[in-house]
Amino acid sequence: MFYEDLCQDSPRDFKRATGVSPALFAEMLLTLEQAKSGIGRPAKLNLSNQLLLTLMYLREYRTQFHIGKTYRVSEPTVCRIVTRVENTLMASGQYTLPGKQVLSESDSAYELILVDATETSCERPKKTRSVLQREKEAPHP
């Protein structure tokens, strides 16, 4: 899915697909445009599609191989795009993820129950000759 197709959708569908609102997407795109250097050959994907590629990678947990097939680029290119876009957005200081402590906190309490299921030996009477002889001698009803 390319940005040109997605921008025609409603803002609600846009957010469902990317995880961000169209306004936040535009802010991120502006940050990427300001940090863009004109060094190197032109990219196959424009900045809006590079940002969309990165957001889909982060949101959908798809492999870089499958994303590369969707955007018709190689797997290493997807890796470079994701790394560069993430680093640029994080370096701007406007977009941050919550720390590990915030992500790991939970408001639900867990109750732990331990069950001891170890095997224990059972004491049984040993069969000796006297017991076996008594069984033979005893009349059976």
Foldseek 3Di string as FASTA:
>chain_A
DAPVVLVVDDQVVNCVQQVDGPVVLVVLLVLCVVPDDPPDDDDPDDSSRLSSLLSNCVPVVDQLCVSCVVVVHHSVVNVVSNVVSVVSVVVVVPDDDDDPVVVPDDPDDDDDDDDDDDDDDDDDDDDDPVNVVVVVPDDDD
